[in-house]
Every structure is written in C-alpha cells, then in structure tokens.
Amino acid sequence: MSDESIQVQHGDQFEVVLREPPATGHRWRVAGLPSELTVIDERYEAPQPGGPLGSAGRRIVTLRANDAGRHRLKFELARDDEAPADEHFVDVEAS
C-alpha cells in the first residue's frame, strides 16, 4: 500500500501515474472515485524496448477536480475478478 498527495486548482486536470508490471496480468484500476473528481482519460504506456527484462510500464489516469476540497482516490492493482494485490491512495487537495 502506498499514499501520495496532490494539490490542484478546482477545475484543473491532473495525472496519477502508477508503475504497472505487464507480465503478471495485474492492472491498476480506479476503485474509489469521489463524485467531486472525474476520470478524463486512462492509458497504459509499455516499457521502453531494450530495457531490463521485467521492466514495468505505466498506467496514466487523467482526472479533473470538479469541486474544491479534500478528496481521496483509491486505486487497486489486481487481475480481473481477483482480490487486489496492492492498493494506492491519492489525497487530492483542490482549492
């Protein structure tokens, strides 16, 4: 489990970037999304070719803070229909 904090202006877009291991079948997913935040885009960037064997790619989630305040996001790293192998929390402070 890990935590991070982000400060943004309400109405702004921001990104959460998570390391995602491609070979395990695990994928980061948004598991807790407050109504004050909106997912705008989600994409996966594969590891660079020629990098070390087993290198992780990146899951990039773009969000918008619709309202001011403190909001907590929850991400889970899991395979489909399995319990999460890891969790990541993001505290968003929108002013």
PDB file of N, CA and C in Angstrom:
ATOM      1  N   MET A   1       0.844  -1.172   0.000  1.00  0.00           N
ATOM      2  CA  MET A   1       0.000   0.000   0.000  1.00  0.00           C
ATOM      3  C   MET A   1       0.889   1.235   0.000  1.00  0.00           C
ATOM      4  N   SER A   2       0.483   2.235  -0.761  1.00  0.00           N
ATOM      5  CA  SER A   2       1.239   3.483  -0.806  1.00  0.00           C
ATOM      6  C   SER A   2       0.269   4.655  -0.873  1.00  0.00           C
ATOM      7  N   ASP A   3       0.772   5.815  -0.505  1.00  0.00           N
ATOM      8  CA  ASP A   3      -0.026   7.039  -0.496  1.00  0.00           C
ATOM      9  C   ASP A   3       0.744   8.151  -1.180  1.00  0.00           C
ATOM     10  N   GLU A   4       0.004   9.090  -1.748  1.00  0.00           N
ATOM     11  CA  GLU A   4       0.604  10.313  -2.272  1.00  0.00           C
ATOM     12  C   GLU A   4      -0.410  11.435  -2.131  1.00  0.00           C
ATOM     13  N   SER A   5       0.054  12.663  -2.206  1.00  0.00           N
ATOM     14  CA  SER A   5      -0.807  13.840  -2.126  1.00  0.00           C
ATOM     15  C   SER A   5      -0.562  14.725  -3.336  1.00  0.00           C
ATOM     16  N   ILE A   6      -1.645  15.321  -3.835  1.00  0.00           N
ATOM     17  CA  ILE A   6      -1.577  16.214  -4.988  1.00  0.00           C
ATOM     18  C   ILE A   6      -2.374  17.471  -4.654  1.00  0.00           C
ATOM     19  N   GLN A   7      -1.828  18.634  -5.007  1.00  0.00           N
ATOM     20  CA  GLN A   7      -2.553  19.888  -4.840  1.00  0.00           C
ATOM     21  C   GLN A   7      -2.862  20.453  -6.224  1.00  0.00           C
ATOM     22  N   VAL A   8      -4.133  20.807  -6.441  1.00  0.00           N
ATOM     23  CA  VAL A   8      -4.578  21.337  -7.727  1.00  0.00           C
ATOM     24  C   VAL A   8      -5.585  22.461  -7.484  1.00  0.00           C
ATOM     25  N   GLN A   9      -5.890  23.181  -8.529  1.00  0.00           N
ATOM     26  CA  GLN A   9      -6.978  24.154  -8.502  1.00  0.00           C
ATOM     27  C   GLN A   9      -8.241  23.435  -8.974  1.00  0.00           C
ATOM     28  N   HIS A  10      -9.388  23.716  -8.341  1.00  0.00           N
ATOM     29  CA  HIS A  10     -10.605  23.042  -8.817  1.00  0.00           C
ATOM     30  C   HIS A  10     -10.871  23.484 -10.255  1.00  0.00           C
ATOM     31  N   GLY A  11     -11.308  22.525 -11.057  1.00  0.00           N
ATOM     32  CA  GLY A  11     -11.488  22.743 -12.487  1.00  0.00           C
ATOM     33  C   GLY A  11     -10.294  22.295 -13.303  1.00  0.00           C
ATOM     34  N   ASP A  12      -9.140  22.118 -12.653  1.00  0.00           N
ATOM     35  CA  ASP A  12      -7.927  21.700 -13.361  1.00  0.00           C
ATOM     36  C   ASP A  12      -7.908  20.194 -13.595  1.00  0.00           C
ATOM     37  N   GLN A  13      -7.184  19.799 -14.646  1.00  0.00           N
ATOM     38  CA  GLN A  13      -6.897  18.390 -14.885  1.00  0.00           C
ATOM     39  C   GLN A  13      -5.549  18.057 -14.262  1.00  0.00           C
ATOM     40  N   PHE A  14      -5.398  16.793 -13.828  1.00  0.00           N
ATOM     41  CA  PHE A  14      -4.137  16.326 -13.271  1.00  0.00           C
ATOM     42  C   PHE A  14      -3.988  14.842 -13.569  1.00  0.00           C
ATOM     43  N   GLU A  15      -2.756  14.344 -13.445  1.00  0.00           N
ATOM     44  CA  GLU A  15      -2.482  12.933 -13.749  1.00  0.00           C
ATOM     45  C   GLU A  15      -1.991  12.190 -12.517  1.00  0.00           C
ATOM     46  N   VAL A  16      -2.383  10.935 -12.439  1.00  0.00           N
ATOM     47  CA  VAL A  16      -1.820   9.992 -11.475  1.00  0.00           C
ATOM     48  C   VAL A  16      -1.106   8.939 -12.314  1.00  0.00           C
ATOM     49  N   VAL A  17       0.180   8.711 -12.016  1.00  0.00           N
ATOM     50  CA  VAL A  17       0.992   7.768 -12.780  1.00  0.00           C
ATOM     51  C   VAL A  17       1.406   6.634 -11.845  1.00  0.00           C
ATOM     52  N   LEU A  18       1.096   5.399 -12.245  1.00  0.00           N
ATOM     53  CA  LEU A  18       1.372   4.220 -11.430  1.00  0.00           C
ATOM     54  C   LEU A  18       2.190   3.209 -12.237  1.00  0.00           C
ATOM     55  N   ARG A  19       3.233   2.652 -11.620  1.00  0.00           N
ATOM     56  CA  ARG A  19       4.027   1.601 -12.276  1.00  0.00           C
ATOM     57  C   ARG A  19       3.191   0.331 -12.343  1.00  0.00           C
ATOM     58  N   GLU A  20       3.129  -0.251 -13.561  1.00  0.00           N
ATOM     59  CA  GLU A  20       2.294  -1.430 -13.765  1.00  0.00           C
ATOM     60  C   GLU A  20       3.102  -2.534 -14.436  1.00  0.00           C
ATOM     61  N   PRO A  21       3.254  -3.683 -13.774  1.00  0.00           N
ATOM     62  CA  PRO A  21       4.031  -4.784 -14.348  1.00  0.00           C
ATOM     63  C   PRO A  21       3.251  -5.486 -15.461  1.00  0.00           C
ATOM     64  N   PRO A  22       3.743  -5.480 -16.702  1.00  0.00           N
ATOM     65  CA  PRO A  22       2.971  -6.030 -17.816  1.00  0.00           C
ATOM     66  C   PRO A  22       2.863  -7.551 -17.821  1.00  0.00           C
ATOM     67  N   ALA A  23       3.827  -8.241 -17.289  1.00  0.00           N
ATOM     68  CA  ALA A  23       3.875  -9.697 -17.437  1.00  0.00           C
ATOM     69  C   ALA A  23       3.006 -10.452 -16.429  1.00  0.00           C
ATOM     70  N   THR A  24       2.520  -9.800 -15.387  1.00  0.00           N
ATOM     71  CA  THR A  24       1.796 -10.513 -14.333  1.00  0.00           C
ATOM     72  C   THR A  24       0.291 -10.587 -14.562  1.00  0.00           C
ATOM     73  N   GLY A  25      -0.222  -9.778 -15.475  1.00  0.00           N
ATOM     74  CA  GLY A  25      -1.659  -9.733 -15.686  1.00  0.00           C
ATOM     75  C   GLY A  25      -2.376  -8.799 -14.730  1.00  0.00           C
ATOM     76  N   HIS A  26      -1.642  -8.205 -13.785  1.00  0.00           N
ATOM     77  CA  HIS A  26      -2.234  -7.239 -12.864  1.00  0.00           C
ATOM     78  C   HIS A  26      -2.367  -5.883 -13.558  1.00  0.00           C
ATOM     79  N   ARG A  27      -3.448  -5.176 -13.233  1.00  0.00           N
ATOM     80  CA  ARG A  27      -3.709  -3.873 -13.833  1.00  0.00           C
ATOM     81  C   ARG A  27      -4.256  -2.942 -12.764  1.00  0.00           C
ATOM     82  N   TRP A  28      -3.780  -1.691 -12.781  1.00  0.00           N
ATOM     83  CA  TRP A  28      -4.326  -0.698 -11.851  1.00  0.00           C
ATOM     84  C   TRP A  28      -5.710  -0.291 -12.318  1.00  0.00           C
ATOM     85  N   ARG A  29      -6.647  -0.186 -11.381  1.00  0.00           N
ATOM     86  CA  ARG A  29      -7.992   0.287 -11.682  1.00  0.00           C
ATOM     87  C   ARG A  29      -8.434   1.267 -10.593  1.00  0.00           C
ATOM     88  N   VAL A  30      -9.269   2.205 -10.984  1.00  0.00           N
ATOM     89  CA  VAL A  30      -9.836   3.137 -10.012  1.00  0.00           C
ATOM     90  C   VAL A  30     -10.886   2.375  -9.219  1.00  0.00           C
ATOM     91  N   ALA A  31     -10.704   2.299  -7.898  1.00  0.00           N
ATOM     92  CA  ALA A  31     -11.616   1.535  -7.050  1.00  0.00           C
ATOM     93  C   ALA A  31     -12.467   2.443  -6.165  1.00  0.00           C
ATOM     94  N   GLY A  32     -12.039   3.677  -5.987  1.00  0.00           N
ATOM     95  CA  GLY A  32     -12.786   4.629  -5.180  1.00  0.00           C
ATOM     96  C   GLY A  32     -12.645   6.006  -5.791  1.00  0.00           C
ATOM     97  N   LEU A  33     -13.737   6.507  -6.383  1.00  0.00           N
ATOM     98  CA  LEU A  33     -13.704   7.797  -7.066  1.00  0.00           C
ATOM     99  C   LEU A  33     -14.771   8.701  -6.458  1.00  0.00           C
ATOM    100  N   PRO A  34     -14.342   9.719  -5.696  1.00  0.00           N
ATOM    101  CA  PRO A  34     -15.322  10.656  -5.148  1.00  0.00           C
ATOM    102  C   PRO A  34     -16.068  11.370  -6.271  1.00  0.00           C
ATOM    103  N   SER A  35     -17.304  11.765  -6.017  1.00  0.00           N
ATOM    104  CA  SER A  35     -18.121  12.432  -7.041  1.00  0.00           C
ATOM    105  C   SER A  35     -17.533  13.775  -7.460  1.00  0.00           C
ATOM    106  N   GLU A  36     -16.648  14.341  -6.641  1.00  0.00           N
ATOM    107  CA  GLU A  36     -16.034  15.635  -6.960  1.00  0.00           C
ATOM    108  C   GLU A  36     -14.896  15.517  -7.971  1.00  0.00           C
ATOM    109  N   LEU A  37     -14.522  14.286  -8.335  1.00  0.00           N
ATOM    110  CA  LEU A  37     -13.455  14.037  -9.311  1.00  0.00           C
ATOM    111  C   LEU A  37     -14.031  13.261 -10.492  1.00  0.00           C
ATOM    112  N   THR A  38     -13.509  13.538 -11.685  1.00  0.00           N
ATOM    113  CA  THR A  38     -13.946  12.851 -12.901  1.00  0.00           C
ATOM    114  C   THR A  38     -12.736  12.290 -13.624  1.00  0.00           C
ATOM    115  N   VAL A  39     -12.827  11.031 -14.064  1.00  0.00           N
ATOM    116  CA  VAL A  39     -11.783  10.442 -14.904  1.00  0.00           C
ATOM    117  C   VAL A  39     -11.985  10.956 -16.321  1.00  0.00           C
ATOM    118  N   ILE A  40     -10.941  11.574 -16.887  1.00  0.00           N
ATOM    119  CA  ILE A  40     -10.986  12.121 -18.237  1.00  0.00           C
ATOM    120  C   ILE A  40     -10.399  11.126 -19.239  1.00  0.00           C
ATOM    121  N   ASP A  41      -9.316  10.452 -18.836  1.00  0.00           N
ATOM    122  CA  ASP A  41      -8.620   9.529 -19.734  1.00  0.00           C
ATOM    123  C   ASP A  41      -7.840   8.531 -18.892  1.00  0.00           C
ATOM    124  N   GLU A  42      -7.639   7.360 -19.452  1.00  0.00           N
ATOM    125  CA  GLU A  42      -6.814   6.341 -18.810  1.00  0.00           C
ATOM    126  C   GLU A  42      -6.072   5.599 -19.911  1.00  0.00           C
ATOM    127  N   ARG A  43      -4.753   5.453 -19.734  1.00  0.00           N
ATOM    128  CA  ARG A  43      -3.976   4.759 -20.766  1.00  0.00           C
ATOM    129  C   ARG A  43      -2.797   4.021 -20.133  1.00  0.00           C
ATOM    130  N   TYR A  44      -2.288   3.075 -20.890  1.00  0.00           N
ATOM    131  CA  TYR A  44      -1.116   2.301 -20.461  1.00  0.00           C
ATOM    132  C   TYR A  44       0.037   2.599 -21.407  1.00  0.00           C
ATOM    133  N   GLU A  45       1.198   2.875 -20.856  1.00  0.00           N
ATOM    134  CA  GLU A  45       2.421   3.036 -21.651  1.00  0.00           C
ATOM    135  C   GLU A  45       3.337   1.869 -21.336  1.00  0.00           C
ATOM    136  N   ALA A  46       3.662   1.099 -22.361  1.00  0.00           N
ATOM    137  CA  ALA A  46       4.527  -0.071 -22.205  1.00  0.00           C
ATOM    138  C   ALA A  46       5.951   0.355 -21.872  1.00  0.00           C
ATOM    139  N   PRO A  47       6.734  -0.556 -21.261  1.00  0.00           N
ATOM    140  CA  PRO A  47       8.133  -0.247 -21.005  1.00  0.00           C
ATOM    141  C   PRO A  47       8.882  -0.011 -22.318  1.00  0.00           C
ATOM    142  N   GLN A  48       9.956   0.745 -22.250  1.00  0.00           N
ATOM    143  CA  GLN A  48      10.760   1.033 -23.434  1.00  0.00           C
ATOM    144  C   GLN A  48      11.411  -0.244 -23.961  1.00  0.00           C
ATOM    145  N   PRO A  49      11.407  -0.454 -25.275  1.00  0.00           N
ATOM    146  CA  PRO A  49      12.078  -1.623 -25.854  1.00  0.00           C
ATOM    147  C   PRO A  49      13.568  -1.603 -25.503  1.00  0.00           C
ATOM    148  N   GLY A  50      14.101  -2.777 -25.250  1.00  0.00           N
ATOM    149  CA  GLY A  50      15.521  -2.882 -24.941  1.00  0.00           C
ATOM    150  C   GLY A  50      15.844  -2.638 -23.477  1.00  0.00           C
ATOM    151  N   GLY A  51      14.823  -2.359 -22.674  1.00  0.00           N
ATOM    152  CA  GLY A  51      15.040  -2.146 -21.241  1.00  0.00           C
ATOM    153  C   GLY A  51      15.248  -3.478 -20.536  1.00  0.00           C
ATOM    154  N   PRO A  52      15.504  -3.433 -19.249  1.00  0.00           N
ATOM    155  CA  PRO A  52      15.712  -4.668 -18.486  1.00  0.00           C
ATOM    156  C   PRO A  52      14.489  -5.585 -18.550  1.00  0.00           C
ATOM    157  N   LEU A  53      14.723  -6.864 -18.545  1.00  0.00           N
ATOM    158  CA  LEU A  53      13.660  -7.859 -18.561  1.00  0.00           C
ATOM    159  C   LEU A  53      12.761  -7.652 -17.349  1.00  0.00           C
ATOM    160  N   GLY A  54      11.461  -7.645 -17.559  1.00  0.00           N
ATOM    161  CA  GLY A  54      10.518  -7.466 -16.455  1.00  0.00           C
ATOM    162  C   GLY A  54      10.254  -6.022 -16.081  1.00  0.00           C
ATOM    163  N   SER A  55      10.736  -5.077 -16.901  1.00  0.00           N
ATOM    164  CA  SER A  55      10.502  -3.660 -16.607  1.00  0.00           C
ATOM    165  C   SER A  55       9.006  -3.369 -16.566  1.00  0.00           C
ATOM    166  N   ALA A  56       8.638  -2.451 -15.704  1.00  0.00           N
ATOM    167  CA  ALA A  56       7.234  -2.078 -15.565  1.00  0.00           C
ATOM    168  C   ALA A  56       6.869  -0.982 -16.555  1.00  0.00           C
ATOM    169  N   GLY A  57       5.626  -1.028 -16.998  1.00  0.00           N
ATOM    170  CA  GLY A  57       5.068   0.059 -17.786  1.00  0.00           C
ATOM    171  C   GLY A  57       4.437   1.064 -16.836  1.00  0.00           C
ATOM    172  N   ARG A  58       3.616   1.953 -17.403  1.00  0.00           N
ATOM    173  CA  ARG A  58       2.979   2.981 -16.584  1.00  0.00           C
ATOM    174  C   ARG A  58       1.492   3.070 -16.921  1.00  0.00           C
ATOM    175  N   ARG A  59       0.667   3.079 -15.895  1.00  0.00           N
ATOM    176  CA  ARG A  59      -0.758   3.370 -16.045  1.00  0.00           C
ATOM    177  C   ARG A  59      -0.909   4.852 -15.734  1.00  0.00           C
ATOM    178  N   ILE A  60      -1.458   5.621 -16.670  1.00  0.00           N
ATOM    179  CA  ILE A  60      -1.622   7.063 -16.505  1.00  0.00           C
ATOM    180  C   ILE A  60      -3.114   7.373 -16.522  1.00  0.00           C
ATOM    181  N   VAL A  61      -3.599   7.925 -15.414  1.00  0.00           N
ATOM    182  CA  VAL A  61      -5.005   8.272 -15.289  1.00  0.00           C
ATOM    183  C   VAL A  61      -5.100   9.793 -15.188  1.00  0.00           C
ATOM    184  N   THR A  62      -5.844  10.403 -16.113  1.00  0.00           N
ATOM    185  CA  THR A  62      -6.054  11.847 -16.112  1.00  0.00           C
ATOM    186  C   THR A  62      -7.427  12.124 -15.501  1.00  0.00           C
ATOM    187  N   LEU A  63      -7.445  13.027 -14.522  1.00  0.00           N
ATOM    188  CA  LEU A  63      -8.670  13.352 -13.810  1.00  0.00           C
ATOM    189  C   LEU A  63      -8.898  14.855 -13.786  1.00  0.00           C
ATOM    190  N   ARG A  64     -10.103  15.252 -13.397  1.00  0.00           N
ATOM    191  CA  ARG A  64     -10.428  16.663 -13.204  1.00  0.00           C
ATOM    192  C   ARG A  64     -11.024  16.820 -11.807  1.00  0.00           C
ATOM    193  N   ALA A  65     -10.576  17.860 -11.112  1.00  0.00           N
ATOM    194  CA  ALA A  65     -11.151  18.213  -9.817  1.00  0.00           C
ATOM    195  C   ALA A  65     -12.311  19.167 -10.068  1.00  0.00           C
ATOM    196  N   ASN A  66     -13.534  18.691  -9.886  1.00  0.00           N
ATOM    197  CA  ASN A  66     -14.725  19.483 -10.180  1.00  0.00           C
ATOM    198  C   ASN A  66     -15.070  20.474  -9.074  1.00  0.00           C
ATOM    199  N   ASP A  67     -14.710  20.144  -7.849  1.00  0.00           N
ATOM    200  CA  ASP A  67     -15.049  20.978  -6.704  1.00  0.00           C
ATOM    201  C   ASP A  67     -13.848  21.136  -5.786  1.00  0.00           C
ATOM    202  N   ALA A  68     -13.825  22.257  -5.071  1.00  0.00           N
ATOM    203  CA  ALA A  68     -12.773  22.490  -4.084  1.00  0.00           C
ATOM    204  C   ALA A  68     -12.980  21.551  -2.895  1.00  0.00           C
ATOM    205  N   GLY A  69     -11.897  21.268  -2.193  1.00  0.00           N
ATOM    206  CA  GLY A  69     -11.960  20.424  -1.008  1.00  0.00           C
ATOM    207  C   GLY A  69     -10.902  19.340  -1.049  1.00  0.00           C
ATOM    208  N   ARG A  70     -10.959  18.475  -0.052  1.00  0.00           N
ATOM    209  CA  ARG A  70     -10.019  17.353   0.049  1.00  0.00           C
ATOM    210  C   ARG A  70     -10.751  16.081  -0.366  1.00  0.00           C
ATOM    211  N   HIS A  71     -10.182  15.371  -1.334  1.00  0.00           N
ATOM    212  CA  HIS A  71     -10.816  14.184  -1.891  1.00  0.00           C
ATOM    213  C   HIS A  71      -9.804  13.041  -1.901  1.00  0.00           C
ATOM    214  N   ARG A  72     -10.263  11.818  -1.610  1.00  0.00           N
ATOM    215  CA  ARG A  72      -9.370  10.651  -1.548  1.00  0.00           C
ATOM    216  C   ARG A  72      -9.722   9.664  -2.660  1.00  0.00           C
ATOM    217  N   LEU A  73      -8.735   9.398  -3.504  1.00  0.00           N
ATOM    218  CA  LEU A  73      -8.851   8.410  -4.582  1.00  0.00           C
ATOM    219  C   LEU A  73      -8.272   7.083  -4.121  1.00  0.00           C
ATOM    220  N   LYS A  74      -8.831   5.998  -4.594  1.00  0.00           N
ATOM    221  CA  LYS A  74      -8.282   4.675  -4.295  1.00  0.00           C
ATOM    222  C   LYS A  74      -8.077   3.924  -5.601  1.00  0.00           C
ATOM    223  N   PHE A  75      -6.877   3.372  -5.762  1.00  0.00           N
ATOM    224  CA  PHE A  75      -6.549   2.518  -6.898  1.00  0.00           C
ATOM    225  C   PHE A  75      -6.215   1.127  -6.367  1.00  0.00           C
ATOM    226  N   GLU A  76      -6.583   0.105  -7.129  1.00  0.00           N
ATOM    227  CA  GLU A  76      -6.244  -1.277  -6.780  1.00  0.00           C
ATOM    228  C   GLU A  76      -5.492  -1.918  -7.937  1.00  0.00           C
ATOM    229  N   LEU A  77      -4.449  -2.682  -7.600  1.00  0.00           N
ATOM    230  CA  LEU A  77      -3.693  -3.456  -8.582  1.00  0.00           C
ATOM    231  C   LEU A  77      -4.187  -4.891  -8.481  1.00  0.00           C
ATOM    232  N   ALA A  78      -4.859  -5.374  -9.542  1.00  0.00           N
ATOM    233  CA  ALA A  78      -5.453  -6.707  -9.478  1.00  0.00           C
ATOM    234  C   ALA A  78      -5.640  -7.275 -10.870  1.00  0.00           C
ATOM    235  N   ARG A  79      -5.805  -8.580 -10.906  1.00  0.00           N
ATOM    236  CA  ARG A  79      -6.273  -9.245 -12.121  1.00  0.00           C
ATOM    237  C   ARG A  79      -7.797  -9.204 -12.088  1.00  0.00           C
ATOM    238  N   ASP A  80      -8.425  -9.399 -13.247  1.00  0.00           N
ATOM    239  CA  ASP A  80      -9.891  -9.425 -13.301  1.00  0.00           C
ATOM    240  C   ASP A  80     -10.439 -10.451 -12.314  1.00  0.00           C
ATOM    241  N   ASP A  81     -11.447 -10.056 -11.566  1.00  0.00           N
ATOM    242  CA  ASP A  81     -12.178 -10.939 -10.641  1.00  0.00           C
ATOM    243  C   ASP A  81     -11.307 -11.549  -9.549  1.00  0.00           C
ATOM    244  N   GLU A  82     -10.202 -10.898  -9.196  1.00  0.00           N
ATOM    245  CA  GLU A  82      -9.358 -11.361  -8.090  1.00  0.00           C
ATOM    246  C   GLU A  82      -9.231 -10.253  -7.064  1.00  0.00           C
ATOM    247  N   ALA A  83      -8.906 -10.659  -5.854  1.00  0.00           N
ATOM    248  CA  ALA A  83      -8.662  -9.678  -4.788  1.00  0.00           C
ATOM    249  C   ALA A  83      -7.434  -8.844  -5.151  1.00  0.00           C
ATOM    250  N   PRO A  84      -7.394  -7.595  -4.721  1.00  0.00           N
ATOM    251  CA  PRO A  84      -6.255  -6.730  -5.052  1.00  0.00           C
ATOM    252  C   PRO A  84      -4.943  -7.243  -4.466  1.00  0.00           C
ATOM    253  N   ALA A  85      -3.882  -7.125  -5.260  1.00  0.00           N
ATOM    254  CA  ALA A  85      -2.542  -7.461  -4.799  1.00  0.00           C
ATOM    255  C   ALA A  85      -1.890  -6.257  -4.110  1.00  0.00           C
ATOM    256  N   ASP A  86      -2.388  -5.044  -4.425  1.00  0.00           N
ATOM    257  CA  ASP A  86      -1.830  -3.816  -3.856  1.00  0.00           C
ATOM    258  C   ASP A  86      -2.883  -2.718  -3.960  1.00  0.00           C
ATOM    259  N   GLU A  87      -2.710  -1.683  -3.138  1.00  0.00           N
ATOM    260  CA  GLU A  87      -3.590  -0.517  -3.169  1.00  0.00           C
ATOM    261  C   GLU A  87      -2.735   0.739  -3.168  1.00  0.00           C
ATOM    262  N   HIS A  88      -3.269   1.786  -3.762  1.00  0.00           N
ATOM    263  CA  HIS A  88      -2.586   3.090  -3.782  1.00  0.00           C
ATOM    264  C   HIS A  88      -3.648   4.159  -3.553  1.00  0.00           C
ATOM    265  N   PHE A  89      -3.396   5.043  -2.585  1.00  0.00           N
ATOM    266  CA  PHE A  89      -4.338   6.105  -2.253  1.00  0.00           C
ATOM    267  C   PHE A  89      -3.727   7.449  -2.655  1.00  0.00           C
ATOM    268  N   VAL A  90      -4.568   8.323  -3.189  1.00  0.00           N
ATOM    269  CA  VAL A  90      -4.142   9.670  -3.573  1.00  0.00           C
ATOM    270  C   VAL A  90      -5.073  10.661  -2.894  1.00  0.00           C
ATOM    271  N   ASP A  91      -4.496  11.535  -2.063  1.00  0.00           N
ATOM    272  CA  ASP A  91      -5.258  12.611  -1.453  1.00  0.00           C
ATOM    273  C   ASP A  91      -5.121  13.834  -2.352  1.00  0.00           C
ATOM    274  N   VAL A  92      -6.256  14.327  -2.838  1.00  0.00           N
ATOM    275  CA  VAL A  92      -6.284  15.465  -3.739  1.00  0.00           C
ATOM    276  C   VAL A  92      -6.825  16.657  -2.972  1.00  0.00           C
ATOM    277  N   GLU A  93      -6.020  17.697  -2.894  1.00  0.00           N
ATOM    278  CA  GLU A  93      -6.426  18.951  -2.254  1.00  0.00           C
ATOM    279  C   GLU A  93      -6.695  19.945  -3.371  1.00  0.00           C
ATOM    280  N   ALA A  94      -7.980  20.250  -3.605  1.00  0.00           N
ATOM    281  CA  ALA A  94      -8.368  21.174  -4.664  1.00  0.00           C
ATOM    282  C   ALA A  94      -8.802  22.496  -4.026  1.00  0.00           C
ATOM    283  N   SER A  95      -8.162  23.586  -4.451  1.00  0.00           N
ATOM    284  CA  SER A  95      -8.510  24.890  -3.881  1.00  0.00           C
ATOM    285  C   SER A  95      -9.142  25.793  -4.928  1.00  0.00           C
TER     286      SER A  95
END
